[in-house]
Amino acid sequence: MQPLHLTTSRRNETLTVSVSGDLDIATTEQLRGYLFGLLREAGGASRRQATLLIEVSGLTFIDAAGLGILVSVRNHAARRHTAMRLTGVPPTMRRLLRITGLEGHLT
């Protein structure tokens, strides 16, 4: 198991979170708390619509709990009028998103 690492960069109204390591049942709450905090910050910092990009090329593993948290964050972002999408999706994860019907919702 590889620990989850999160780093954030900001450019204008876009927040980019780079995620690396394993995203599984043991690390989903860490990611949820981090991203929900960023969404609160983005919503309070500007009247313009923010965008949250989650860069996942560094993920080494993702399970159903990890997919679930990404859907939860996307739904939370939509309620806050913040666009969210995944970038840098590796082929194995893209296949998983396609199989589960989430590809069009998260990428």
Protein backbone atom coordinates (compact mmCIF):
# COMPACT_ATOMS: atom_id res chain seq x y z
CA MET A 1 0.00 0.00 0.00
CA GLN A 2 1.31 3.40 -0.98
CA PRO A 3 0.27 6.44 1.08
CA LEU A 4 -1.92 9.06 -0.55
CA HIS A 5 -0.12 12.30 -1.43
CA LEU A 6 -1.98 15.49 -2.35
CA THR A 7 -0.54 18.72 -3.70
CA THR A 8 -2.41 21.78 -4.91
CA SER A 9 -1.58 24.52 -7.35
CA ARG A 10 -3.69 27.56 -8.17
CA ARG A 11 -3.91 29.48 -11.40
CA ASN A 12 -6.57 32.16 -11.68
CA GLU A 13 -9.87 30.42 -10.91
CA THR A 14 -8.49 26.89 -11.38
CA LEU A 15 -7.38 24.68 -8.52
CA THR A 16 -5.38 21.63 -9.58
CA VAL A 17 -4.94 18.82 -7.09
CA SER A 18 -2.35 16.19 -7.93
CA VAL A 19 -3.19 12.85 -6.36
CA SER A 20 -0.64 10.05 -6.07
CA GLY A 21 -0.49 6.75 -4.23
CA ASP A 22 -3.41 4.46 -3.41
CA LEU A 23 -6.99 5.74 -3.35
CA ASP A 24 -8.92 3.10 -1.47
CA ILE A 25 -11.18 2.63 1.52
CA ALA A 26 -8.30 3.58 3.85
CA THR A 27 -7.61 6.94 2.17
CA THR A 28 -10.97 8.16 0.86
CA GLU A 29 -11.77 10.30 3.90
CA GLN A 30 -8.40 12.01 3.61
CA LEU A 31 -9.19 12.95 0.01
CA ARG A 32 -12.79 13.95 0.80
CA GLY A 33 -11.76 16.28 3.61
CA TYR A 34 -9.02 17.86 1.53
CA LEU A 35 -11.19 18.45 -1.55
CA PHE A 36 -14.23 19.64 0.41
CA GLY A 37 -11.95 22.16 2.14
CA LEU A 38 -10.72 23.42 -1.23
CA LEU A 39 -14.29 23.70 -2.49
CA ARG A 40 -15.26 25.79 0.55
CA GLU A 41 -12.24 28.01 -0.06
CA ALA A 42 -12.98 28.35 -3.79
CA GLY A 43 -16.60 29.23 -3.14
CA GLY A 44 -15.75 31.89 -0.60
CA ALA A 45 -12.80 33.42 -2.41
CA SER A 46 -14.40 34.59 -5.62
CA ARG A 47 -17.70 35.34 -7.27
CA ARG A 48 -16.46 33.84 -10.54
CA GLN A 49 -16.95 30.15 -11.19
CA ALA A 50 -13.98 28.11 -10.06
CA THR A 51 -12.74 24.90 -11.63
CA LEU A 52 -11.33 21.95 -9.70
CA LEU A 53 -9.01 19.70 -11.69
CA ILE A 54 -7.95 16.44 -10.09
CA GLU A 55 -4.78 15.17 -11.74
CA VAL A 56 -4.62 11.39 -11.20
CA SER A 57 -1.66 10.22 -13.31
CA GLY A 58 0.20 9.39 -10.07
CA LEU A 59 -2.47 7.04 -8.71
CA THR A 60 -1.11 3.55 -8.25
CA PHE A 61 -4.43 1.98 -7.22
CA ILE A 62 -8.11 2.89 -7.00
CA ASP A 63 -10.97 0.75 -5.70
CA ALA A 64 -14.76 1.16 -5.57
CA ALA A 65 -14.50 3.39 -2.49
CA GLY A 66 -12.09 5.63 -4.39
CA LEU A 67 -14.48 5.91 -7.33
CA GLY A 68 -17.31 6.61 -4.93
CA ILE A 69 -15.47 9.50 -3.31
CA LEU A 70 -14.74 11.06 -6.70
CA VAL A 71 -18.46 10.93 -7.53
CA SER A 72 -19.30 12.41 -4.12
CA VAL A 73 -16.84 15.27 -4.61
CA ARG A 74 -18.14 15.91 -8.14
CA ASN A 75 -21.71 16.13 -6.83
CA HIS A 76 -20.64 18.43 -3.99
CA ALA A 77 -18.74 20.64 -6.46
CA ALA A 78 -21.78 20.86 -8.76
CA ARG A 79 -23.96 22.02 -5.84
CA ARG A 80 -21.37 24.74 -5.21
CA HIS A 81 -21.38 25.74 -8.92
CA THR A 82 -17.79 24.56 -9.32
CA ALA A 83 -16.75 22.51 -12.33
CA MET A 84 -14.74 19.39 -11.51
CA ARG A 85 -12.99 16.93 -13.77
CA LEU A 86 -10.21 14.39 -13.74
CA THR A 87 -7.07 14.86 -15.81
CA GLY A 88 -4.12 12.61 -16.54
CA VAL A 89 -6.29 9.52 -16.26
CA PRO A 90 -4.15 6.39 -16.83
CA PRO A 91 -5.48 3.78 -19.29
CA THR A 92 -6.43 1.26 -16.59
CA MET A 93 -8.44 3.86 -14.70
CA ARG A 94 -10.03 5.15 -17.91
CA ARG A 95 -11.19 1.59 -18.63
CA LEU A 96 -12.66 1.37 -15.11
CA LEU A 97 -14.48 4.68 -15.61
CA ARG A 98 -15.83 3.47 -18.96
CA ILE A 99 -17.02 0.13 -17.53
CA THR A 100 -18.80 1.83 -14.62
CA GLY A 101 -20.37 4.52 -16.83
CA LEU A 102 -18.50 7.31 -15.04
CA GLU A 103 -16.17 8.37 -17.84
CA GLY A 104 -18.42 11.13 -19.17
CA HIS A 105 -19.23 12.37 -15.67
CA LEU A 106 -15.68 12.68 -14.32
CA THR A 107 -13.46 13.39 -17.33
